[in-house]
Structures are given as structure tokens and as C-alpha cells.
Amino acid sequence: MNGWDQGTEALVDMARQTEDRGVELAALIKLLIFAAEPLFPKFHGAGRAPFDRFKEHADRLTADLKGHLNRVNTAQSGLEATFAGGDQEMADRATRKMSGAVFDRTKFRPR
């Protein structure tokens, strides 16, 4: 039998944490740009180019990151729905099989 019990809320919690981490990462990217701002005037030429590129693309990076994490979140929600549906289907099937069983005829006696 399967020895892994995820619990009923494990995937819901994981999806919530993924969403929270996405918001946190987006805020950290903005904070990094803000923190690096005083350094921009000190760099010139080729040394400044990486800073400029990062700053130019920070919004796109943030949007891409959030988009990818949203897709992960969607997959986690789909997994949760699938597991919940499977649990319900298994319970319904067990109930149907038990309702068709005749327990009165069963005799348990030593041999």
C-alpha cells in the first residue's frame, strides 16, 4: 500500500505558499533595484551596462517570474482538485460496494 499521506490540505498549503513566495520575490527584485540605485552614477561604460540592462528588464523579469509561478500554482490547484476527486470517488465506490454486501450471511467461526 501507499505509505505517503499528503493530508487534505497539503496541496492547498503548497499553492498558497507558492503564491506568497511569488509576491515576495517580486518585492525583492524591486528592493534590489532600489538598493542599487546609489551605485548607478559610480559606474561608467562597460561596467554600467549590466546594471542598465538589469534595470531595463526588471519589470519584465518580475512579470515573467510571477507568470511562471502562477502556472506552478495552477498546476498545484489542479493536483489538489484531482486528489480530492479521487478521494471522493474512492469513498463513493466503497460505499456502493458495502451497500451491496450482505453481512448477515457471513459467519465468523473458528476452524
PDB file of N, CA and C in Angstrom:
ATOM      1  N   MET A   1       0.826  -1.191   0.000  1.00  0.00           N
ATOM      2  CA  MET A   1       0.000   0.000   0.000  1.00  0.00           C
ATOM      3  C   MET A   1       0.867   1.250   0.000  1.00  0.00           C
ATOM      4  N   ASN A   2       0.252   2.335  -0.277  1.00  0.00           N
ATOM      5  CA  ASN A   2       0.958   3.609  -0.348  1.00  0.00           C
ATOM      6  C   ASN A   2       1.251   4.120   1.058  1.00  0.00           C
ATOM      7  N   GLY A   3       2.515   4.419   1.329  1.00  0.00           N
ATOM      8  CA  GLY A   3       2.896   4.887   2.655  1.00  0.00           C
ATOM      9  C   GLY A   3       2.983   6.395   2.747  1.00  0.00           C
ATOM     10  N   TRP A   4       2.581   7.107   1.702  1.00  0.00           N
ATOM     11  CA  TRP A   4       2.686   8.562   1.695  1.00  0.00           C
ATOM     12  C   TRP A   4       1.303   9.158   1.873  1.00  0.00           C
ATOM     13  N   ASP A   5       1.116   9.871   2.950  1.00  0.00           N
ATOM     14  CA  ASP A   5      -0.163  10.534   3.210  1.00  0.00           C
ATOM     15  C   ASP A   5       0.088  12.025   3.163  1.00  0.00           C
ATOM     16  N   GLN A   6      -0.434  12.673   2.145  1.00  0.00           N
ATOM     17  CA  GLN A   6      -0.194  14.094   1.964  1.00  0.00           C
ATOM     18  C   GLN A   6      -1.076  14.957   2.853  1.00  0.00           C
ATOM     19  N   GLY A   7      -2.135  14.422   3.387  1.00  0.00           N
ATOM     20  CA  GLY A   7      -3.065  15.235   4.154  1.00  0.00           C
ATOM     21  C   GLY A   7      -3.986  15.989   3.214  1.00  0.00           C
ATOM     22  N   THR A   8      -5.120  16.380   3.719  1.00  0.00           N
ATOM     23  CA  THR A   8      -6.120  17.007   2.855  1.00  0.00           C
ATOM     24  C   THR A   8      -5.760  18.431   2.460  1.00  0.00           C
ATOM     25  N   GLU A   9      -4.945  19.097   3.233  1.00  0.00           N
ATOM     26  CA  GLU A   9      -4.632  20.497   2.955  1.00  0.00           C
ATOM     27  C   GLU A   9      -3.220  20.718   2.415  1.00  0.00           C
ATOM     28  N   ALA A  10      -2.454  19.654   2.190  1.00  0.00           N
ATOM     29  CA  ALA A  10      -1.046  19.810   1.796  1.00  0.00           C
ATOM     30  C   ALA A  10      -0.898  20.589   0.492  1.00  0.00           C
ATOM     31  N   LEU A  11      -1.664  20.227  -0.534  1.00  0.00           N
ATOM     32  CA  LEU A  11      -1.533  20.914  -1.816  1.00  0.00           C
ATOM     33  C   LEU A  11      -2.105  22.324  -1.765  1.00  0.00           C
ATOM     34  N   VAL A  12      -3.147  22.527  -0.985  1.00  0.00           N
ATOM     35  CA  VAL A  12      -3.698  23.874  -0.812  1.00  0.00           C
ATOM     36  C   VAL A  12      -2.655  24.765  -0.145  1.00  0.00           C
ATOM     37  N   ASP A  13      -2.010  24.232   0.900  1.00  0.00           N
ATOM     38  CA  ASP A  13      -0.964  24.997   1.585  1.00  0.00           C
ATOM     39  C   ASP A  13       0.210  25.279   0.655  1.00  0.00           C
ATOM     40  N   MET A  14       0.593  24.287  -0.145  1.00  0.00           N
ATOM     41  CA  MET A  14       1.703  24.470  -1.067  1.00  0.00           C
ATOM     42  C   MET A  14       1.376  25.559  -2.096  1.00  0.00           C
ATOM     43  N   ALA A  15       0.169  25.563  -2.623  1.00  0.00           N
ATOM     44  CA  ALA A  15      -0.235  26.582  -3.593  1.00  0.00           C
ATOM     45  C   ALA A  15      -0.223  27.963  -2.949  1.00  0.00           C
ATOM     46  N   ARG A  16      -0.708  28.049  -1.727  1.00  0.00           N
ATOM     47  CA  ARG A  16      -0.721  29.329  -1.016  1.00  0.00           C
ATOM     48  C   ARG A  16       0.706  29.836  -0.794  1.00  0.00           C
ATOM     49  N   GLN A  17       1.599  28.928  -0.409  1.00  0.00           N
ATOM     50  CA  GLN A  17       2.993  29.317  -0.170  1.00  0.00           C
ATOM     51  C   GLN A  17       3.686  29.730  -1.465  1.00  0.00           C
ATOM     52  N   THR A  18       3.372  29.053  -2.568  1.00  0.00           N
ATOM     53  CA  THR A  18       3.948  29.424  -3.860  1.00  0.00           C
ATOM     54  C   THR A  18       3.510  30.832  -4.234  1.00  0.00           C
ATOM     55  N   GLU A  19       2.244  31.126  -4.042  1.00  0.00           N
ATOM     56  CA  GLU A  19       1.733  32.464  -4.347  1.00  0.00           C
ATOM     57  C   GLU A  19       2.415  33.509  -3.470  1.00  0.00           C
ATOM     58  N   ASP A  20       2.552  33.208  -2.187  1.00  0.00           N
ATOM     59  CA  ASP A  20       3.217  34.136  -1.266  1.00  0.00           C
ATOM     60  C   ASP A  20       4.666  34.367  -1.666  1.00  0.00           C
ATOM     61  N   ARG A  21       5.366  33.307  -2.063  1.00  0.00           N
ATOM     62  CA  ARG A  21       6.776  33.445  -2.457  1.00  0.00           C
ATOM     63  C   ARG A  21       6.904  34.266  -3.731  1.00  0.00           C
ATOM     64  N   GLY A  22       5.946  34.159  -4.637  1.00  0.00           N
ATOM     65  CA  GLY A  22       5.970  34.960  -5.863  1.00  0.00           C
ATOM     66  C   GLY A  22       5.872  36.439  -5.564  1.00  0.00           C
ATOM     67  N   VAL A  23       4.982  36.794  -4.666  1.00  0.00           N
ATOM     68  CA  VAL A  23       4.839  38.194  -4.255  1.00  0.00           C
ATOM     69  C   VAL A  23       6.126  38.660  -3.574  1.00  0.00           C
ATOM     70  N   GLU A  24       6.674  37.796  -2.736  1.00  0.00           N
ATOM     71  CA  GLU A  24       7.906  38.129  -2.016  1.00  0.00           C
ATOM     72  C   GLU A  24       9.082  38.322  -2.979  1.00  0.00           C
ATOM     73  N   LEU A  25       9.222  37.436  -3.966  1.00  0.00           N
ATOM     74  CA  LEU A  25      10.317  37.561  -4.931  1.00  0.00           C
ATOM     75  C   LEU A  25      10.190  38.827  -5.774  1.00  0.00           C
ATOM     76  N   ALA A  26       8.977  39.166  -6.185  1.00  0.00           N
ATOM     77  CA  ALA A  26       8.768  40.397  -6.950  1.00  0.00           C
ATOM     78  C   ALA A  26       9.171  41.615  -6.123  1.00  0.00           C
ATOM     79  N   ALA A  27       8.816  41.609  -4.859  1.00  0.00           N
ATOM     80  CA  ALA A  27       9.189  42.722  -3.976  1.00  0.00           C
ATOM     81  C   ALA A  27      10.704  42.784  -3.792  1.00  0.00           C
ATOM     82  N   LEU A  28      11.354  41.632  -3.709  1.00  0.00           N
ATOM     83  CA  LEU A  28      12.814  41.611  -3.547  1.00  0.00           C
ATOM     84  C   LEU A  28      13.534  42.142  -4.785  1.00  0.00           C
ATOM     85  N   ILE A  29      13.009  41.859  -5.971  1.00  0.00           N
ATOM     86  CA  ILE A  29      13.613  42.402  -7.193  1.00  0.00           C
ATOM     87  C   ILE A  29      13.525  43.922  -7.176  1.00  0.00           C
ATOM     88  N   LYS A  30      12.361  44.450  -6.826  1.00  0.00           N
ATOM     89  CA  LYS A  30      12.200  45.912  -6.750  1.00  0.00           C
ATOM     90  C   LYS A  30      13.104  46.507  -5.679  1.00  0.00           C
ATOM     91  N   LEU A  31      13.227  45.821  -4.561  1.00  0.00           N
ATOM     92  CA  LEU A  31      14.097  46.287  -3.483  1.00  0.00           C
ATOM     93  C   LEU A  31      15.559  46.281  -3.921  1.00  0.00           C
ATOM     94  N   LEU A  32      15.957  45.275  -4.679  1.00  0.00           N
ATOM     95  CA  LEU A  32      17.325  45.206  -5.190  1.00  0.00           C
ATOM     96  C   LEU A  32      17.620  46.385  -6.116  1.00  0.00           C
ATOM     97  N   ILE A  33      16.692  46.707  -6.992  1.00  0.00           N
ATOM     98  CA  ILE A  33      16.874  47.850  -7.890  1.00  0.00           C
ATOM     99  C   ILE A  33      16.986  49.140  -7.089  1.00  0.00           C
ATOM    100  N   PHE A  34      16.114  49.296  -6.118  1.00  0.00           N
ATOM    101  CA  PHE A  34      16.137  50.492  -5.269  1.00  0.00           C
ATOM    102  C   PHE A  34      17.458  50.582  -4.502  1.00  0.00           C
ATOM    103  N   ALA A  35      17.924  49.450  -3.972  1.00  0.00           N
ATOM    104  CA  ALA A  35      19.167  49.444  -3.194  1.00  0.00           C
ATOM    105  C   ALA A  35      20.384  49.721  -4.077  1.00  0.00           C
ATOM    106  N   ALA A  36      20.333  49.307  -5.342  1.00  0.00           N
ATOM    107  CA  ALA A  36      21.466  49.513  -6.250  1.00  0.00           C
ATOM    108  C   ALA A  36      21.474  50.910  -6.866  1.00  0.00           C
ATOM    109  N   GLU A  37      20.395  51.639  -6.732  1.00  0.00           N
ATOM    110  CA  GLU A  37      20.263  52.972  -7.343  1.00  0.00           C
ATOM    111  C   GLU A  37      21.438  53.902  -7.010  1.00  0.00           C
ATOM    112  N   PRO A  38      21.900  53.981  -5.767  1.00  0.00           N
ATOM    113  CA  PRO A  38      23.028  54.881  -5.473  1.00  0.00           C
ATOM    114  C   PRO A  38      24.331  54.474  -6.179  1.00  0.00           C
ATOM    115  N   LEU A  39      24.426  53.240  -6.632  1.00  0.00           N
ATOM    116  CA  LEU A  39      25.641  52.783  -7.314  1.00  0.00           C
ATOM    117  C   LEU A  39      25.682  53.172  -8.787  1.00  0.00           C
ATOM    118  N   PHE A  40      24.550  53.463  -9.387  1.00  0.00           N
ATOM    119  CA  PHE A  40      24.498  53.746 -10.820  1.00  0.00           C
ATOM    120  C   PHE A  40      25.442  54.869 -11.250  1.00  0.00           C
ATOM    121  N   PRO A  41      25.503  55.999 -10.553  1.00  0.00           N
ATOM    122  CA  PRO A  41      26.400  57.077 -11.003  1.00  0.00           C
ATOM    123  C   PRO A  41      27.886  56.714 -10.912  1.00  0.00           C
ATOM    124  N   LYS A  42      28.236  55.720 -10.131  1.00  0.00           N
ATOM    125  CA  LYS A  42      29.648  55.361  -9.942  1.00  0.00           C
ATOM    126  C   LYS A  42      30.187  54.485 -11.070  1.00  0.00           C
ATOM    127  N   PHE A  43      29.299  53.915 -11.876  1.00  0.00           N
ATOM    128  CA  PHE A  43      29.735  53.049 -12.963  1.00  0.00           C
ATOM    129  C   PHE A  43      29.610  53.785 -14.289  1.00  0.00           C
ATOM    130  N   HIS A  44      30.606  53.561 -15.151  1.00  0.00           N
ATOM    131  CA  HIS A  44      30.606  54.188 -16.476  1.00  0.00           C
ATOM    132  C   HIS A  44      30.995  53.140 -17.506  1.00  0.00           C
ATOM    133  N   GLY A  45      30.552  53.343 -18.716  1.00  0.00           N
ATOM    134  CA  GLY A  45      30.956  52.473 -19.819  1.00  0.00           C
ATOM    135  C   GLY A  45      30.465  51.050 -19.667  1.00  0.00           C
ATOM    136  N   ALA A  46      31.376  50.113 -19.954  1.00  0.00           N
ATOM    137  CA  ALA A  46      31.024  48.692 -19.958  1.00  0.00           C
ATOM    138  C   ALA A  46      30.631  48.193 -18.570  1.00  0.00           C
ATOM    139  N   GLY A  47      31.158  48.801 -17.534  1.00  0.00           N
ATOM    140  CA  GLY A  47      30.809  48.392 -16.176  1.00  0.00           C
ATOM    141  C   GLY A  47      29.372  48.729 -15.808  1.00  0.00           C
ATOM    142  N   ARG A  48      28.840  49.749 -16.458  1.00  0.00           N
ATOM    143  CA  ARG A  48      27.476  50.171 -16.145  1.00  0.00           C
ATOM    144  C   ARG A  48      26.429  49.394 -16.960  1.00  0.00           C
ATOM    145  N   ALA A  49      26.832  48.853 -18.073  1.00  0.00           N
ATOM    146  CA  ALA A  49      25.886  48.180 -18.974  1.00  0.00           C
ATOM    147  C   ALA A  49      25.082  47.077 -18.284  1.00  0.00           C
ATOM    148  N   PRO A  50      25.700  46.197 -17.489  1.00  0.00           N
ATOM    149  CA  PRO A  50      24.886  45.166 -16.826  1.00  0.00           C
ATOM    150  C   PRO A  50      23.841  45.753 -15.868  1.00  0.00           C
ATOM    151  N   PHE A  51      24.205  46.824 -15.163  1.00  0.00           N
ATOM    152  CA  PHE A  51      23.234  47.481 -14.283  1.00  0.00           C
ATOM    153  C   PHE A  51      22.062  48.034 -15.085  1.00  0.00           C
ATOM    154  N   ASP A  52      22.397  48.715 -16.183  1.00  0.00           N
ATOM    155  CA  ASP A  52      21.339  49.296 -17.022  1.00  0.00           C
ATOM    156  C   ASP A  52      20.420  48.216 -17.585  1.00  0.00           C
ATOM    157  N   ARG A  53      21.016  47.110 -18.055  1.00  0.00           N
ATOM    158  CA  ARG A  53      20.189  46.026 -18.613  1.00  0.00           C
ATOM    159  C   ARG A  53      19.280  45.423 -17.548  1.00  0.00           C
ATOM    160  N   PHE A  54      19.839  45.218 -16.363  1.00  0.00           N
ATOM    161  CA  PHE A  54      19.024  44.652 -15.287  1.00  0.00           C
ATOM    162  C   PHE A  54      17.866  45.585 -14.953  1.00  0.00           C
ATOM    163  N   LYS A  55      18.161  46.870 -14.841  1.00  0.00           N
ATOM    164  CA  LYS A  55      17.110  47.837 -14.502  1.00  0.00           C
ATOM    165  C   LYS A  55      16.059  47.903 -15.611  1.00  0.00           C
ATOM    166  N   GLU A  56      16.515  47.886 -16.873  1.00  0.00           N
ATOM    167  CA  GLU A  56      15.579  47.937 -18.007  1.00  0.00           C
ATOM    168  C   GLU A  56      14.648  46.723 -18.025  1.00  0.00           C
ATOM    169  N   HIS A  57      15.202  45.582 -17.678  1.00  0.00           N
ATOM    170  CA  HIS A  57      14.436  44.338 -17.798  1.00  0.00           C
ATOM    171  C   HIS A  57      13.814  43.875 -16.484  1.00  0.00           C
ATOM    172  N   ALA A  58      13.962  44.636 -15.434  1.00  0.00           N
ATOM    173  CA  ALA A  58      13.461  44.204 -14.122  1.00  0.00           C
ATOM    174  C   ALA A  58      11.949  43.985 -14.126  1.00  0.00           C
ATOM    175  N   ASP A  59      11.211  44.886 -14.763  1.00  0.00           N
ATOM    176  CA  ASP A  59       9.753  44.717 -14.800  1.00  0.00           C
ATOM    177  C   ASP A  59       9.374  43.453 -15.569  1.00  0.00           C
ATOM    178  N   ARG A  60      10.073  43.216 -16.689  1.00  0.00           N
ATOM    179  CA  ARG A  60       9.783  42.001 -17.454  1.00  0.00           C
ATOM    180  C   ARG A  60      10.180  40.757 -16.666  1.00  0.00           C
ATOM    181  N   LEU A  61      11.338  40.817 -15.989  1.00  0.00           N
ATOM    182  CA  LEU A  61      11.765  39.692 -15.156  1.00  0.00           C
ATOM    183  C   LEU A  61      10.735  39.393 -14.075  1.00  0.00           C
ATOM    184  N   THR A  62      10.257  40.450 -13.438  1.00  0.00           N
ATOM    185  CA  THR A  62       9.257  40.289 -12.383  1.00  0.00           C
ATOM    186  C   THR A  62       7.974  39.681 -12.949  1.00  0.00           C
ATOM    187  N   ALA A  63       7.529  40.198 -14.090  1.00  0.00           N
ATOM    188  CA  ALA A  63       6.303  39.676 -14.710  1.00  0.00           C
ATOM    189  C   ALA A  63       6.485  38.218 -15.139  1.00  0.00           C
ATOM    190  N   ASP A  64       7.650  37.900 -15.717  1.00  0.00           N
ATOM    191  CA  ASP A  64       7.916  36.511 -16.121  1.00  0.00           C
ATOM    192  C   ASP A  64       7.926  35.583 -14.913  1.00  0.00           C
ATOM    193  N   LEU A  65       8.601  36.015 -13.872  1.00  0.00           N
ATOM    194  CA  LEU A  65       8.674  35.212 -12.649  1.00  0.00           C
ATOM    195  C   LEU A  65       7.280  34.961 -12.084  1.00  0.00           C
ATOM    196  N   LYS A  66       6.484  36.020 -11.995  1.00  0.00           N
ATOM    197  CA  LYS A  66       5.123  35.868 -11.474  1.00  0.00           C
ATOM    198  C   LYS A  66       4.291  34.960 -12.383  1.00  0.00           C
ATOM    199  N   GLY A  67       4.472  35.113 -13.701  1.00  0.00           N
ATOM    200  CA  GLY A  67       3.733  34.273 -14.641  1.00  0.00           C
ATOM    201  C   GLY A  67       4.069  32.799 -14.490  1.00  0.00           C
ATOM    202  N   HIS A  68       5.356  32.508 -14.354  1.00  0.00           N
ATOM    203  CA  HIS A  68       5.770  31.110 -14.191  1.00  0.00           C
ATOM    204  C   HIS A  68       5.280  30.547 -12.860  1.00  0.00           C
ATOM    205  N   LEU A  69       5.372  31.334 -11.816  1.00  0.00           N
ATOM    206  CA  LEU A  69       4.881  30.861 -10.517  1.00  0.00           C
ATOM    207  C   LEU A  69       3.364  30.693 -10.534  1.00  0.00           C
ATOM    208  N   ASN A  70       2.661  31.540 -11.294  1.00  0.00           N
ATOM    209  CA  ASN A  70       1.210  31.370 -11.430  1.00  0.00           C
ATOM    210  C   ASN A  70       0.882  30.050 -12.119  1.00  0.00           C
ATOM    211  N   ARG A  71       1.701  29.671 -13.111  1.00  0.00           N
ATOM    212  CA  ARG A  71       1.472  28.385 -13.778  1.00  0.00           C
ATOM    213  C   ARG A  71       1.732  27.220 -12.822  1.00  0.00           C
ATOM    214  N   VAL A  72       2.763  27.342 -12.005  1.00  0.00           N
ATOM    215  CA  VAL A  72       3.018  26.318 -10.984  1.00  0.00           C
ATOM    216  C   VAL A  72       1.825  26.242 -10.041  1.00  0.00           C
ATOM    217  N   ASN A  73       1.322  27.420  -9.654  1.00  0.00           N
ATOM    218  CA  ASN A  73       0.175  27.499  -8.757  1.00  0.00           C
ATOM    219  C   ASN A  73      -1.054  26.837  -9.379  1.00  0.00           C
ATOM    220  N   THR A  74      -1.279  27.077 -10.661  1.00  0.00           N
ATOM    221  CA  THR A  74      -2.408  26.463 -11.363  1.00  0.00           C
ATOM    222  C   THR A  74      -2.264  24.942 -11.365  1.00  0.00           C
ATOM    223  N   ALA A  75      -1.047  24.462 -11.599  1.00  0.00           N
ATOM    224  CA  ALA A  75      -0.811  23.015 -11.582  1.00  0.00           C
ATOM    225  C   ALA A  75      -1.069  22.439 -10.195  1.00  0.00           C
ATOM    226  N   GLN A  76      -0.640  23.149  -9.155  1.00  0.00           N
ATOM    227  CA  GLN A  76      -0.869  22.673  -7.788  1.00  0.00           C
ATOM    228  C   GLN A  76      -2.365  22.623  -7.484  1.00  0.00           C
ATOM    229  N   SER A  77      -3.100  23.624  -7.944  1.00  0.00           N
ATOM    230  CA  SER A  77      -4.552  23.627  -7.731  1.00  0.00           C
ATOM    231  C   SER A  77      -5.209  22.476  -8.484  1.00  0.00           C
ATOM    232  N   GLY A  78      -4.724  22.197  -9.697  1.00  0.00           N
ATOM    233  CA  GLY A  78      -5.242  21.066 -10.460  1.00  0.00           C
ATOM    234  C   GLY A  78      -4.964  19.738  -9.771  1.00  0.00           C
ATOM    235  N   LEU A  79      -3.765  19.603  -9.213  1.00  0.00           N
ATOM    236  CA  LEU A  79      -3.436  18.394  -8.457  1.00  0.00           C
ATOM    237  C   LEU A  79      -4.363  18.235  -7.261  1.00  0.00           C
ATOM    238  N   GLU A  80      -4.596  19.326  -6.570  1.00  0.00           N
ATOM    239  CA  GLU A  80      -5.469  19.277  -5.387  1.00  0.00           C
ATOM    240  C   GLU A  80      -6.870  18.835  -5.788  1.00  0.00           C
ATOM    241  N   ALA A  81      -7.383  19.387  -6.886  1.00  0.00           N
ATOM    242  CA  ALA A  81      -8.723  19.010  -7.350  1.00  0.00           C
ATOM    243  C   ALA A  81      -8.759  17.535  -7.755  1.00  0.00           C
ATOM    244  N   THR A  82      -7.699  17.068  -8.398  1.00  0.00           N
ATOM    245  CA  THR A  82      -7.631  15.664  -8.809  1.00  0.00           C
ATOM    246  C   THR A  82      -7.586  14.733  -7.606  1.00  0.00           C
ATOM    247  N   PHE A  83      -6.741  15.066  -6.629  1.00  0.00           N
ATOM    248  CA  PHE A  83      -6.661  14.237  -5.427  1.00  0.00           C
ATOM    249  C   PHE A  83      -7.990  14.236  -4.677  1.00  0.00           C
ATOM    250  N   ALA A  84      -8.614  15.406  -4.548  1.00  0.00           N
ATOM    251  CA  ALA A  84      -9.899  15.486  -3.843  1.00  0.00           C
ATOM    252  C   ALA A  84     -10.957  14.673  -4.585  1.00  0.00           C
ATOM    253  N   GLY A  85     -10.980  14.778  -5.914  1.00  0.00           N
ATOM    254  CA  GLY A  85     -11.930  13.999  -6.708  1.00  0.00           C
ATOM    255  C   GLY A  85     -11.684  12.508  -6.574  1.00  0.00           C
ATOM    256  N   GLY A  86     -10.410  12.115  -6.552  1.00  0.00           N
ATOM    257  CA  GLY A  86     -10.065  10.702  -6.377  1.00  0.00           C
ATOM    258  C   GLY A  86     -10.488  10.182  -5.019  1.00  0.00           C
ATOM    259  N   ASP A  87     -10.269  10.981  -3.987  1.00  0.00           N
ATOM    260  CA  ASP A  87     -10.705  10.584  -2.641  1.00  0.00           C
ATOM    261  C   ASP A  87     -12.214  10.382  -2.599  1.00  0.00           C
ATOM    262  N   GLN A  88     -12.949  11.325  -3.194  1.00  0.00           N
ATOM    263  CA  GLN A  88     -14.409  11.238  -3.180  1.00  0.00           C
ATOM    264  C   GLN A  88     -14.881  10.039  -3.993  1.00  0.00           C
ATOM    265  N   GLU A  89     -14.262   9.818  -5.148  1.00  0.00           N
ATOM    266  CA  GLU A  89     -14.646   8.672  -5.979  1.00  0.00           C
ATOM    267  C   GLU A  89     -14.385   7.354  -5.255  1.00  0.00           C
ATOM    268  N   MET A  90     -13.248   7.265  -4.566  1.00  0.00           N
ATOM    269  CA  MET A  90     -12.926   6.050  -3.821  1.00  0.00           C
ATOM    270  C   MET A  90     -13.934   5.838  -2.689  1.00  0.00           C
ATOM    271  N   ALA A  91     -14.306   6.901  -2.002  1.00  0.00           N
ATOM    272  CA  ALA A  91     -15.285   6.783  -0.915  1.00  0.00           C
ATOM    273  C   ALA A  91     -16.651   6.367  -1.461  1.00  0.00           C
ATOM    274  N   ASP A  92     -17.058   6.954  -2.580  1.00  0.00           N
ATOM    275  CA  ASP A  92     -18.344   6.598  -3.188  1.00  0.00           C
ATOM    276  C   ASP A  92     -18.359   5.136  -3.631  1.00  0.00           C
ATOM    277  N   ARG A  93     -17.270   4.692  -4.240  1.00  0.00           N
ATOM    278  CA  ARG A  93     -17.184   3.304  -4.704  1.00  0.00           C
ATOM    279  C   ARG A  93     -17.237   2.341  -3.519  1.00  0.00           C
ATOM    280  N   ALA A  94     -16.525   2.658  -2.452  1.00  0.00           N
ATOM    281  CA  ALA A  94     -16.540   1.797  -1.261  1.00  0.00           C
ATOM    282  C   ALA A  94     -17.939   1.738  -0.659  1.00  0.00           C
ATOM    283  N   THR A  95     -18.628   2.878  -0.620  1.00  0.00           N
ATOM    284  CA  THR A  95     -19.992   2.916  -0.079  1.00  0.00           C
ATOM    285  C   THR A  95     -20.926   2.053  -0.925  1.00  0.00           C
ATOM    286  N   ARG A  96     -20.805   2.152  -2.256  1.00  0.00           N
ATOM    287  CA  ARG A  96     -21.652   1.330  -3.136  1.00  0.00           C
ATOM    288  C   ARG A  96     -21.382  -0.157  -2.933  1.00  0.00           C
ATOM    289  N   LYS A  97     -20.130  -0.528  -2.847  1.00  0.00           N
ATOM    290  CA  LYS A  97     -19.795  -1.953  -2.667  1.00  0.00           C
ATOM    291  C   LYS A  97     -20.267  -2.458  -1.307  1.00  0.00           C
ATOM    292  N   MET A  98     -20.129  -1.640  -0.282  1.00  0.00           N
ATOM    293  CA  MET A  98     -20.572  -2.064   1.053  1.00  0.00           C
ATOM    294  C   MET A  98     -22.085  -2.175   1.116  1.00  0.00           C
ATOM    295  N   SER A  99     -22.789  -1.291   0.405  1.00  0.00           N
ATOM    296  CA  SER A  99     -24.251  -1.358   0.457  1.00  0.00           C
ATOM    297  C   SER A  99     -24.773  -2.606  -0.249  1.00  0.00           C
ATOM    298  N   GLY A 100     -23.998  -3.149  -1.181  1.00  0.00           N
ATOM    299  CA  GLY A 100     -24.411  -4.368  -1.875  1.00  0.00           C
ATOM    300  C   GLY A 100     -24.001  -5.638  -1.148  1.00  0.00           C
ATOM    301  N   ALA A 101     -23.186  -5.532  -0.143  1.00  0.00           N
ATOM    302  CA  ALA A 101     -22.716  -6.715   0.591  1.00  0.00           C
ATOM    303  C   ALA A 101     -23.763  -7.138   1.611  1.00  0.00           C
ATOM    304  N   VAL A 102     -23.864  -8.424   1.804  1.00  0.00           N
ATOM    305  CA  VAL A 102     -24.793  -8.965   2.795  1.00  0.00           C
ATOM    306  C   VAL A 102     -23.950  -9.473   3.953  1.00  0.00           C
ATOM    307  N   PHE A 103     -23.938  -8.712   5.003  1.00  0.00           N
ATOM    308  CA  PHE A 103     -23.111  -9.063   6.150  1.00  0.00           C
ATOM    309  C   PHE A 103     -23.801 -10.071   7.062  1.00  0.00           C
ATOM    310  N   ASP A 104     -25.137 -10.182   6.970  1.00  0.00           N
ATOM    311  CA  ASP A 104     -25.867 -11.103   7.837  1.00  0.00           C
ATOM    312  C   ASP A 104     -25.500 -12.558   7.553  1.00  0.00           C
ATOM    313  N   ARG A 105     -25.150 -12.897   6.340  1.00  0.00           N
ATOM    314  CA  ARG A 105     -24.856 -14.279   5.975  1.00  0.00           C
ATOM    315  C   ARG A 105     -23.425 -14.673   6.326  1.00  0.00           C
ATOM    316  N   THR A 106     -22.645 -13.715   6.638  1.00  0.00           N
ATOM    317  CA  THR A 106     -21.245 -14.006   6.947  1.00  0.00           C
ATOM    318  C   THR A 106     -21.138 -14.530   8.357  1.00  0.00           C
ATOM    319  N   LYS A 107     -20.483 -15.667   8.475  1.00  0.00           N
ATOM    320  CA  LYS A 107     -20.284 -16.248   9.802  1.00  0.00           C
ATOM    321  C   LYS A 107     -18.792 -16.347  10.038  1.00  0.00           C
ATOM    322  N   PHE A 108     -18.418 -15.847  11.147  1.00  0.00           N
ATOM    323  CA  PHE A 108     -17.021 -15.930  11.532  1.00  0.00           C
ATOM    324  C   PHE A 108     -16.925 -16.969  12.640  1.00  0.00           C
ATOM    325  N   ARG A 109     -16.320 -18.083  12.346  1.00  0.00           N
ATOM    326  CA  ARG A 109     -16.187 -19.129  13.362  1.00  0.00           C
ATOM    327  C   ARG A 109     -14.793 -19.740  13.243  1.00  0.00           C
ATOM    328  N   PRO A 110     -14.327 -20.236  14.345  1.00  0.00           N
ATOM    329  CA  PRO A 110     -13.005 -20.864  14.301  1.00  0.00           C
ATOM    330  C   PRO A 110     -13.061 -22.154  13.503  1.00  0.00           C
ATOM    331  N   ARG A 111     -11.968 -22.537  12.946  1.00  0.00           N
ATOM    332  CA  ARG A 111     -11.915 -23.787  12.162  1.00  0.00           C
ATOM    333  C   ARG A 111     -11.469 -24.928  12.988  1.00  0.00           C
TER     334      ARG A 111
END
